[in-house]
């Protein structure tokens, strides 16, 4: 079993940048598991936040976003969602 790859984005980056583009190469699997923790601008974890997940269709001009679902953070502000490899996604957090 191969070691999983981690990308850590600081809260400061998220507050200062409205949009972050992250490019990475994933293992040759059909799905990957994205997990993270949502923080407030003060650095506190944010329980019960809604995270809407959009798939981005880059074959159109301009690219179109389609909502594929919502996940929620638990008491410690963490969340997880299984997504397809080879696709582009946008996550929008609502507190």
PDB file of N, CA and C in Angstrom:
ATOM      1  N   UNK A   1       0.843  -1.180   0.000  1.00  0.00           N
ATOM      2  CA  UNK A   1       0.000   0.000   0.000  1.00  0.00           C
ATOM      3  C   UNK A   1       0.888   1.243   0.000  1.00  0.00           C
ATOM      4  N   UNK A   2       0.604   2.195  -0.874  1.00  0.00           N
ATOM      5  CA  UNK A   2       1.420   3.392  -0.970  1.00  0.00           C
ATOM      6  C   UNK A   2       0.999   4.422   0.073  1.00  0.00           C
ATOM      7  N   UNK A   3       1.948   5.288   0.400  1.00  0.00           N
ATOM      8  CA  UNK A   3       1.697   6.344   1.374  1.00  0.00           C
ATOM      9  C   UNK A   3       0.777   7.395   0.752  1.00  0.00           C
ATOM     10  N   UNK A   4      -0.188   7.878   1.521  1.00  0.00           N
ATOM     11  CA  UNK A   4      -1.107   8.879   0.971  1.00  0.00           C
ATOM     12  C   UNK A   4      -0.417  10.236   0.910  1.00  0.00           C
ATOM     13  N   UNK A   5      -0.818  11.027  -0.051  1.00  0.00           N
ATOM     14  CA  UNK A   5      -0.247  12.338  -0.286  1.00  0.00           C
ATOM     15  C   UNK A   5      -1.073  13.379   0.444  1.00  0.00           C
ATOM     16  N   UNK A   6      -0.421  14.323   1.109  1.00  0.00           N
ATOM     17  CA  UNK A   6      -1.131  15.375   1.831  1.00  0.00           C
ATOM     18  C   UNK A   6      -0.727  16.735   1.285  1.00  0.00           C
ATOM     19  N   UNK A   7      -1.723  17.586   1.146  1.00  0.00           N
ATOM     20  CA  UNK A   7      -1.495  18.988   0.800  1.00  0.00           C
ATOM     21  C   UNK A   7      -2.133  19.795   1.915  1.00  0.00           C
ATOM     22  N   UNK A   8      -1.370  20.641   2.568  1.00  0.00           N
ATOM     23  CA  UNK A   8      -1.886  21.435   3.681  1.00  0.00           C
ATOM     24  C   UNK A   8      -1.969  22.895   3.244  1.00  0.00           C
ATOM     25  N   UNK A   9      -3.156  23.480   3.415  1.00  0.00           N
ATOM     26  CA  UNK A   9      -3.385  24.879   3.060  1.00  0.00           C
ATOM     27  C   UNK A   9      -3.661  25.631   4.353  1.00  0.00           C
ATOM     28  N   UNK A  10      -2.899  26.650   4.610  1.00  0.00           N
ATOM     29  CA  UNK A  10      -3.077  27.389   5.858  1.00  0.00           C
ATOM     30  C   UNK A  10      -4.333  28.250   5.808  1.00  0.00           C
ATOM     31  N   UNK A  11      -4.900  28.500   6.972  1.00  0.00           N
ATOM     32  CA  UNK A  11      -6.063  29.376   7.064  1.00  0.00           C
ATOM     33  C   UNK A  11      -5.771  30.764   6.537  1.00  0.00           C
ATOM     34  N   UNK A  12      -4.553  31.245   6.758  1.00  0.00           N
ATOM     35  CA  UNK A  12      -4.146  32.567   6.264  1.00  0.00           C
ATOM     36  C   UNK A  12      -4.285  32.627   4.750  1.00  0.00           C
ATOM     37  N   UNK A  13      -3.860  31.560   4.057  1.00  0.00           N
ATOM     38  CA  UNK A  13      -4.004  31.489   2.597  1.00  0.00           C
ATOM     39  C   UNK A  13      -5.461  31.558   2.189  1.00  0.00           C
ATOM     40  N   UNK A  14      -6.315  30.843   2.917  1.00  0.00           N
ATOM     41  CA  UNK A  14      -7.730  30.806   2.569  1.00  0.00           C
ATOM     42  C   UNK A  14      -8.400  32.150   2.792  1.00  0.00           C
ATOM     43  N   UNK A  15      -8.014  32.865   3.836  1.00  0.00           N
ATOM     44  CA  UNK A  15      -8.612  34.166   4.126  1.00  0.00           C
ATOM     45  C   UNK A  15      -8.134  35.209   3.124  1.00  0.00           C
ATOM     46  N   UNK A  16      -6.851  35.170   2.765  1.00  0.00           N
ATOM     47  CA  UNK A  16      -6.279  36.190   1.888  1.00  0.00           C
ATOM     48  C   UNK A  16      -6.600  35.967   0.407  1.00  0.00           C
ATOM     49  N   UNK A  17      -6.907  34.734   0.025  1.00  0.00           N
ATOM     50  CA  UNK A  17      -7.166  34.416  -1.378  1.00  0.00           C
ATOM     51  C   UNK A  17      -8.595  33.932  -1.535  1.00  0.00           C
ATOM     52  N   UNK A  18      -9.342  34.589  -2.393  1.00  0.00           N
ATOM     53  CA  UNK A  18     -10.724  34.163  -2.609  1.00  0.00           C
ATOM     54  C   UNK A  18     -10.786  32.806  -3.290  1.00  0.00           C
ATOM     55  N   UNK A  19      -9.832  32.541  -4.188  1.00  0.00           N
ATOM     56  CA  UNK A  19      -9.805  31.270  -4.907  1.00  0.00           C
ATOM     57  C   UNK A  19      -8.383  30.717  -4.846  1.00  0.00           C
ATOM     58  N   UNK A  20      -8.264  29.438  -4.502  1.00  0.00           N
ATOM     59  CA  UNK A  20      -6.967  28.756  -4.530  1.00  0.00           C
ATOM     60  C   UNK A  20      -7.043  27.643  -5.559  1.00  0.00           C
ATOM     61  N   UNK A  21      -6.079  27.580  -6.431  1.00  0.00           N
ATOM     62  CA  UNK A  21      -5.981  26.485  -7.385  1.00  0.00           C
ATOM     63  C   UNK A  21      -4.890  25.553  -6.906  1.00  0.00           C
ATOM     64  N   UNK A  22      -5.232  24.283  -6.751  1.00  0.00           N
ATOM     65  CA  UNK A  22      -4.273  23.287  -6.299  1.00  0.00           C
ATOM     66  C   UNK A  22      -4.171  22.223  -7.382  1.00  0.00           C
ATOM     67  N   UNK A  23      -2.990  22.033  -7.907  1.00  0.00           N
ATOM     68  CA  UNK A  23      -2.757  21.009  -8.918  1.00  0.00           C
ATOM     69  C   UNK A  23      -1.899  19.919  -8.309  1.00  0.00           C
ATOM     70  N   UNK A  24      -2.327  18.689  -8.447  1.00  0.00           N
ATOM     71  CA  UNK A  24      -1.580  17.554  -7.916  1.00  0.00           C
ATOM     72  C   UNK A  24      -1.857  16.329  -8.765  1.00  0.00           C
ATOM     73  N   UNK A  25      -1.001  15.357  -8.666  1.00  0.00           N
ATOM     74  CA  UNK A  25      -1.214  14.083  -9.333  1.00  0.00           C
ATOM     75  C   UNK A  25      -1.644  13.075  -8.279  1.00  0.00           C
ATOM     76  N   UNK A  26      -2.749  12.409  -8.527  1.00  0.00           N
ATOM     77  CA  UNK A  26      -3.291  11.440  -7.584  1.00  0.00           C
ATOM     78  C   UNK A  26      -2.927  10.032  -8.012  1.00  0.00           C
ATOM     79  N   UNK A  27      -3.034   9.117  -7.077  1.00  0.00           N
ATOM     80  CA  UNK A  27      -2.790   7.707  -7.387  1.00  0.00           C
ATOM     81  C   UNK A  27      -3.750   7.254  -8.492  1.00  0.00           C
ATOM     82  N   UNK A  28      -3.425   6.175  -9.139  1.00  0.00           N
ATOM     83  CA  UNK A  28      -4.232   5.674 -10.242  1.00  0.00           C
ATOM     84  C   UNK A  28      -5.454   4.916  -9.714  1.00  0.00           C
ATOM     85  N   UNK A  29      -6.312   5.628  -9.005  1.00  0.00           N
ATOM     86  CA  UNK A  29      -7.542   5.068  -8.465  1.00  0.00           C
ATOM     87  C   UNK A  29      -8.721   5.816  -9.070  1.00  0.00           C
ATOM     88  N   UNK A  30      -9.893   5.217  -9.014  1.00  0.00           N
ATOM     89  CA  UNK A  30     -11.088   5.871  -9.542  1.00  0.00           C
ATOM     90  C   UNK A  30     -11.554   6.996  -8.613  1.00  0.00           C
ATOM     91  N   UNK A  31     -11.373   6.808  -7.310  1.00  0.00           N
ATOM     92  CA  UNK A  31     -11.817   7.794  -6.322  1.00  0.00           C
ATOM     93  C   UNK A  31     -10.660   8.199  -5.422  1.00  0.00           C
ATOM     94  N   UNK A  32     -10.803   9.360  -4.807  1.00  0.00           N
ATOM     95  CA  UNK A  32      -9.886   9.771  -3.743  1.00  0.00           C
ATOM     96  C   UNK A  32     -10.724  10.353  -2.620  1.00  0.00           C
ATOM     97  N   UNK A  33     -10.157  10.372  -1.434  1.00  0.00           N
ATOM     98  CA  UNK A  33     -10.869  10.869  -0.268  1.00  0.00           C
ATOM     99  C   UNK A  33     -10.254  12.201   0.130  1.00  0.00           C
ATOM    100  N   UNK A  34     -11.061  13.256   0.071  1.00  0.00           N
ATOM    101  CA  UNK A  34     -10.619  14.589   0.452  1.00  0.00           C
ATOM    102  C   UNK A  34     -11.095  14.846   1.868  1.00  0.00           C
ATOM    103  N   UNK A  35     -10.177  15.229   2.741  1.00  0.00           N
ATOM    104  CA  UNK A  35     -10.569  15.559   4.105  1.00  0.00           C
ATOM    105  C   UNK A  35      -9.883  16.847   4.517  1.00  0.00           C
ATOM    106  N   UNK A  36     -10.505  17.539   5.440  1.00  0.00           N
ATOM    107  CA  UNK A  36      -9.945  18.794   5.897  1.00  0.00           C
ATOM    108  C   UNK A  36     -10.634  19.279   7.151  1.00  0.00           C
ATOM    109  N   UNK A  37     -10.214  20.429   7.606  1.00  0.00           N
ATOM    110  CA  UNK A  37     -10.801  21.079   8.774  1.00  0.00           C
ATOM    111  C   UNK A  37     -11.131  22.509   8.379  1.00  0.00           C
ATOM    112  N   UNK A  38     -12.320  22.965   8.740  1.00  0.00           N
ATOM    113  CA  UNK A  38     -12.739  24.339   8.451  1.00  0.00           C
ATOM    114  C   UNK A  38     -12.508  25.173   9.700  1.00  0.00           C
ATOM    115  N   UNK A  39     -11.872  26.335   9.508  1.00  0.00           N
ATOM    116  CA  UNK A  39     -11.581  27.261  10.595  1.00  0.00           C
ATOM    117  C   UNK A  39     -12.266  28.593  10.357  1.00  0.00           C
ATOM    118  N   UNK A  40     -12.575  29.300  11.431  1.00  0.00           N
ATOM    119  CA  UNK A  40     -13.074  30.671  11.339  1.00  0.00           C
ATOM    120  C   UNK A  40     -11.890  31.578  11.030  1.00  0.00           C
ATOM    121  N   UNK A  41     -12.141  32.831  10.640  1.00  0.00           N
ATOM    122  CA  UNK A  41     -11.021  33.755  10.424  1.00  0.00           C
ATOM    123  C   UNK A  41     -10.170  33.966  11.689  1.00  0.00           C
ATOM    124  N   UNK A  42     -10.721  33.688  12.861  1.00  0.00           N
ATOM    125  CA  UNK A  42      -9.970  33.812  14.119  1.00  0.00           C
ATOM    126  C   UNK A  42      -9.146  32.564  14.423  1.00  0.00           C
ATOM    127  N   UNK A  43      -9.237  31.540  13.565  1.00  0.00           N
ATOM    128  CA  UNK A  43      -8.453  30.336  13.761  1.00  0.00           C
ATOM    129  C   UNK A  43      -9.120  29.268  14.610  1.00  0.00           C
ATOM    130  N   UNK A  44     -10.405  29.433  14.908  1.00  0.00           N
ATOM    131  CA  UNK A  44     -11.140  28.441  15.683  1.00  0.00           C
ATOM    132  C   UNK A  44     -11.795  27.449  14.726  1.00  0.00           C
ATOM    133  N   UNK A  45     -11.872  26.179  15.131  1.00  0.00           N
ATOM    134  CA  UNK A  45     -12.533  25.199  14.270  1.00  0.00           C
ATOM    135  C   UNK A  45     -14.021  25.536  14.173  1.00  0.00           C
ATOM    136  N   UNK A  46     -14.626  25.171  13.061  1.00  0.00           N
ATOM    137  CA  UNK A  46     -16.009  25.543  12.788  1.00  0.00           C
ATOM    138  C   UNK A  46     -16.881  24.293  12.651  1.00  0.00           C
ATOM    139  N   UNK A  47     -17.572  23.894  13.734  1.00  0.00           N
ATOM    140  CA  UNK A  47     -18.467  22.744  13.649  1.00  0.00           C
ATOM    141  C   UNK A  47     -19.748  23.094  12.898  1.00  0.00           C
ATOM    142  N   UNK A  48     -20.375  22.097  12.307  1.00  0.00           N
ATOM    143  CA  UNK A  48     -21.676  22.230  11.642  1.00  0.00           C
ATOM    144  C   UNK A  48     -21.676  23.186  10.450  1.00  0.00           C
ATOM    145  N   UNK A  49     -20.538  23.404   9.833  1.00  0.00           N
ATOM    146  CA  UNK A  49     -20.483  24.215   8.612  1.00  0.00           C
ATOM    147  C   UNK A  49     -20.893  23.340   7.432  1.00  0.00           C
ATOM    148  N   UNK A  50     -21.586  23.918   6.474  1.00  0.00           N
ATOM    149  CA  UNK A  50     -21.960  23.206   5.253  1.00  0.00           C
ATOM    150  C   UNK A  50     -20.894  23.470   4.190  1.00  0.00           C
ATOM    151  N   UNK A  51     -20.507  22.434   3.477  1.00  0.00           N
ATOM    152  CA  UNK A  51     -19.544  22.554   2.388  1.00  0.00           C
ATOM    153  C   UNK A  51     -20.222  22.033   1.129  1.00  0.00           C
ATOM    154  N   UNK A  52     -20.531  22.958   0.221  1.00  0.00           N
ATOM    155  CA  UNK A  52     -21.149  22.554  -1.046  1.00  0.00           C
ATOM    156  C   UNK A  52     -20.039  22.231  -2.039  1.00  0.00           C
ATOM    157  N   UNK A  53     -20.186  21.107  -2.714  1.00  0.00           N
ATOM    158  CA  UNK A  53     -19.170  20.636  -3.662  1.00  0.00           C
ATOM    159  C   UNK A  53     -19.711  20.791  -5.072  1.00  0.00           C
ATOM    160  N   UNK A  54     -18.939  21.480  -5.901  1.00  0.00           N
ATOM    161  CA  UNK A  54     -19.294  21.688  -7.302  1.00  0.00           C
ATOM    162  C   UNK A  54     -18.270  20.976  -8.181  1.00  0.00           C
ATOM    163  N   UNK A  55     -18.746  20.270  -9.213  1.00  0.00           N
ATOM    164  CA  UNK A  55     -17.858  19.743 -10.235  1.00  0.00           C
ATOM    165  C   UNK A  55     -17.764  20.806 -11.318  1.00  0.00           C
ATOM    166  N   UNK A  56     -16.565  21.031 -11.842  1.00  0.00           N
ATOM    167  CA  UNK A  56     -16.334  22.050 -12.857  1.00  0.00           C
ATOM    168  C   UNK A  56     -16.144  21.383 -14.206  1.00  0.00           C
ATOM    169  N   UNK A  57     -16.943  21.795 -15.182  1.00  0.00           N
ATOM    170  CA  UNK A  57     -16.819  21.303 -16.558  1.00  0.00           C
ATOM    171  C   UNK A  57     -15.958  22.299 -17.324  1.00  0.00           C
ATOM    172  N   UNK A  58     -14.681  21.961 -17.503  1.00  0.00           N
ATOM    173  CA  UNK A  58     -13.744  22.855 -18.186  1.00  0.00           C
ATOM    174  C   UNK A  58     -13.836  22.764 -19.705  1.00  0.00           C
ATOM    175  N   UNK A  59     -14.746  21.922 -20.224  1.00  0.00           N
ATOM    176  CA  UNK A  59     -14.864  21.796 -21.680  1.00  0.00           C
ATOM    177  C   UNK A  59     -15.737  22.904 -22.269  1.00  0.00           C
ATOM    178  N   UNK A  60     -16.374  23.700 -21.426  1.00  0.00           N
ATOM    179  CA  UNK A  60     -17.203  24.802 -21.894  1.00  0.00           C
ATOM    180  C   UNK A  60     -16.477  26.120 -21.676  1.00  0.00           C
ATOM    181  N   UNK A  61     -16.887  27.146 -22.419  1.00  0.00           N
ATOM    182  CA  UNK A  61     -16.284  28.464 -22.249  1.00  0.00           C
ATOM    183  C   UNK A  61     -17.386  29.485 -22.009  1.00  0.00           C
ATOM    184  N   UNK A  62     -17.528  30.027 -20.828  1.00  0.00           N
ATOM    185  CA  UNK A  62     -16.697  29.800 -19.644  1.00  0.00           C
ATOM    186  C   UNK A  62     -17.016  28.456 -19.008  1.00  0.00           C
ATOM    187  N   UNK A  63     -16.097  27.955 -18.168  1.00  0.00           N
ATOM    188  CA  UNK A  63     -16.359  26.678 -17.480  1.00  0.00           C
ATOM    189  C   UNK A  63     -17.644  26.748 -16.654  1.00  0.00           C
ATOM    190  N   UNK A  64     -18.392  25.649 -16.639  1.00  0.00           N
ATOM    191  CA  UNK A  64     -19.655  25.585 -15.890  1.00  0.00           C
ATOM    192  C   UNK A  64     -19.441  24.797 -14.606  1.00  0.00           C
ATOM    193  N   UNK A  65     -20.125  25.231 -13.533  1.00  0.00           N
ATOM    194  CA  UNK A  65     -20.082  24.524 -12.258  1.00  0.00           C
ATOM    195  C   UNK A  65     -21.434  23.864 -12.023  1.00  0.00           C
ATOM    196  N   UNK A  66     -21.382  22.603 -11.535  1.00  0.00           N
ATOM    197  CA  UNK A  66     -22.594  21.858 -11.223  1.00  0.00           C
ATOM    198  C   UNK A  66     -22.504  21.348  -9.794  1.00  0.00           C
ATOM    199  N   UNK A  67     -23.498  21.684  -8.978  1.00  0.00           N
ATOM    200  CA  UNK A  67     -23.511  21.211  -7.599  1.00  0.00           C
ATOM    201  C   UNK A  67     -23.717  19.705  -7.581  1.00  0.00           C
ATOM    202  N   UNK A  68     -22.822  18.998  -6.868  1.00  0.00           N
ATOM    203  CA  UNK A  68     -22.959  17.545  -6.775  1.00  0.00           C
ATOM    204  C   UNK A  68     -23.309  17.095  -5.367  1.00  0.00           C
ATOM    205  N   UNK A  69     -23.361  18.030  -4.424  1.00  0.00           N
ATOM    206  CA  UNK A  69     -23.755  17.639  -3.078  1.00  0.00           C
ATOM    207  C   UNK A  69     -23.207  18.555  -2.007  1.00  0.00           C
ATOM    208  N   UNK A  70     -23.600  18.225  -0.782  1.00  0.00           N
ATOM    209  CA  UNK A  70     -23.187  18.991   0.386  1.00  0.00           C
ATOM    210  C   UNK A  70     -22.697  18.018   1.448  1.00  0.00           C
ATOM    211  N   UNK A  71     -21.637  18.396   2.143  1.00  0.00           N
ATOM    212  CA  UNK A  71     -21.177  17.662   3.312  1.00  0.00           C
ATOM    213  C   UNK A  71     -21.086  18.658   4.459  1.00  0.00           C
ATOM    214  N   UNK A  72     -20.976  18.157   5.665  1.00  0.00           N
ATOM    215  CA  UNK A  72     -20.956  19.023   6.841  1.00  0.00           C
ATOM    216  C   UNK A  72     -19.761  18.692   7.719  1.00  0.00           C
ATOM    217  N   UNK A  73     -19.278  19.703   8.437  1.00  0.00           N
ATOM    218  CA  UNK A  73     -18.217  19.468   9.404  1.00  0.00           C
ATOM    219  C   UNK A  73     -18.825  18.901  10.685  1.00  0.00           C
ATOM    220  N   UNK A  74     -18.004  18.139  11.418  1.00  0.00           N
ATOM    221  CA  UNK A  74     -18.440  17.605  12.704  1.00  0.00           C
ATOM    222  C   UNK A  74     -17.909  18.509  13.820  1.00  0.00           C
ATOM    223  N   UNK A  75     -18.022  18.067  15.051  1.00  0.00           N
ATOM    224  CA  UNK A  75     -17.711  18.907  16.210  1.00  0.00           C
ATOM    225  C   UNK A  75     -16.325  19.540  16.164  1.00  0.00           C
ATOM    226  N   UNK A  76     -15.338  18.839  15.633  1.00  0.00           N
ATOM    227  CA  UNK A  76     -13.975  19.377  15.595  1.00  0.00           C
ATOM    228  C   UNK A  76     -13.677  20.162  14.312  1.00  0.00           C
ATOM    229  N   UNK A  77     -14.703  20.452  13.513  1.00  0.00           N
ATOM    230  CA  UNK A  77     -14.530  21.225  12.281  1.00  0.00           C
ATOM    231  C   UNK A  77     -14.064  20.409  11.085  1.00  0.00           C
ATOM    232  N   UNK A  78     -13.923  19.101  11.259  1.00  0.00           N
ATOM    233  CA  UNK A  78     -13.406  18.274  10.161  1.00  0.00           C
ATOM    234  C   UNK A  78     -14.536  17.748   9.266  1.00  0.00           C
ATOM    235  N   UNK A  79     -14.156  17.433   8.038  1.00  0.00           N
ATOM    236  CA  UNK A  79     -15.090  16.873   7.065  1.00  0.00           C
ATOM    237  C   UNK A  79     -14.320  15.905   6.180  1.00  0.00           C
ATOM    238  N   UNK A  80     -15.044  15.114   5.425  1.00  0.00           N
ATOM    239  CA  UNK A  80     -14.439  14.231   4.443  1.00  0.00           C
ATOM    240  C   UNK A  80     -15.450  13.918   3.359  1.00  0.00           C
ATOM    241  N   UNK A  81     -14.958  13.726   2.144  1.00  0.00           N
ATOM    242  CA  UNK A  81     -15.832  13.406   1.025  1.00  0.00           C
ATOM    243  C   UNK A  81     -15.038  12.621  -0.021  1.00  0.00           C
ATOM    244  N   UNK A  82     -15.680  11.636  -0.606  1.00  0.00           N
ATOM    245  CA  UNK A  82     -15.074  10.837  -1.658  1.00  0.00           C
ATOM    246  C   UNK A  82     -15.409  11.464  -3.007  1.00  0.00           C
ATOM    247  N   UNK A  83     -14.394  11.680  -3.841  1.00  0.00           N
ATOM    248  CA  UNK A  83     -14.572  12.318  -5.143  1.00  0.00           C
ATOM    249  C   UNK A  83     -13.894  11.492  -6.230  1.00  0.00           C
ATOM    250  N   UNK A  84     -14.309  11.713  -7.467  1.00  0.00           N
ATOM    251  CA  UNK A  84     -13.706  11.033  -8.614  1.00  0.00           C
ATOM    252  C   UNK A  84     -12.390  11.695  -9.006  1.00  0.00           C
ATOM    253  N   UNK A  85     -11.401  10.900  -9.372  1.00  0.00           N
ATOM    254  CA  UNK A  85     -10.160  11.462  -9.896  1.00  0.00           C
ATOM    255  C   UNK A  85     -10.407  11.975 -11.310  1.00  0.00           C
ATOM    256  N   UNK A  86      -9.542  12.838 -11.787  1.00  0.00           N
ATOM    257  CA  UNK A  86      -9.640  13.331 -13.152  1.00  0.00           C
ATOM    258  C   UNK A  86     -10.680  14.417 -13.357  1.00  0.00           C
ATOM    259  N   UNK A  87     -11.263  14.915 -12.286  1.00  0.00           N
ATOM    260  CA  UNK A  87     -12.274  15.969 -12.369  1.00  0.00           C
ATOM    261  C   UNK A  87     -11.761  17.203 -11.633  1.00  0.00           C
ATOM    262  N   UNK A  88     -12.373  18.352 -11.893  1.00  0.00           N
ATOM    263  CA  UNK A  88     -12.060  19.585 -11.168  1.00  0.00           C
ATOM    264  C   UNK A  88     -13.238  19.902 -10.251  1.00  0.00           C
ATOM    265  N   UNK A  89     -12.919  20.376  -9.064  1.00  0.00           N
ATOM    266  CA  UNK A  89     -13.946  20.669  -8.074  1.00  0.00           C
ATOM    267  C   UNK A  89     -13.738  22.037  -7.453  1.00  0.00           C
ATOM    268  N   UNK A  90     -14.841  22.616  -7.000  1.00  0.00           N
ATOM    269  CA  UNK A  90     -14.842  23.845  -6.217  1.00  0.00           C
ATOM    270  C   UNK A  90     -15.632  23.541  -4.955  1.00  0.00           C
ATOM    271  N   UNK A  91     -15.082  23.914  -3.796  1.00  0.00           N
ATOM    272  CA  UNK A  91     -15.767  23.744  -2.535  1.00  0.00           C
ATOM    273  C   UNK A  91     -16.113  25.118  -1.973  1.00  0.00           C
ATOM    274  N   UNK A  92     -17.359  25.300  -1.555  1.00  0.00           N
ATOM    275  CA  UNK A  92     -17.819  26.559  -0.982  1.00  0.00           C
ATOM    276  C   UNK A  92     -18.320  26.259   0.429  1.00  0.00           C
ATOM    277  N   UNK A  93     -17.798  26.991   1.416  1.00  0.00           N
ATOM    278  CA  UNK A  93     -18.152  26.759   2.813  1.00  0.00           C
ATOM    279  C   UNK A  93     -19.160  27.800   3.275  1.00  0.00           C
ATOM    280  N   UNK A  94     -20.205  27.312   3.960  1.00  0.00           N
ATOM    281  CA  UNK A  94     -21.219  28.165   4.565  1.00  0.00           C
ATOM    282  C   UNK A  94     -21.218  27.872   6.055  1.00  0.00           C
ATOM    283  N   UNK A  95     -21.170  28.934   6.877  1.00  0.00           N
ATOM    284  CA  UNK A  95     -21.178  28.706   8.328  1.00  0.00           C
ATOM    285  C   UNK A  95     -22.550  28.870   8.903  1.00  0.00           C
TER     286      UNK A  95
END
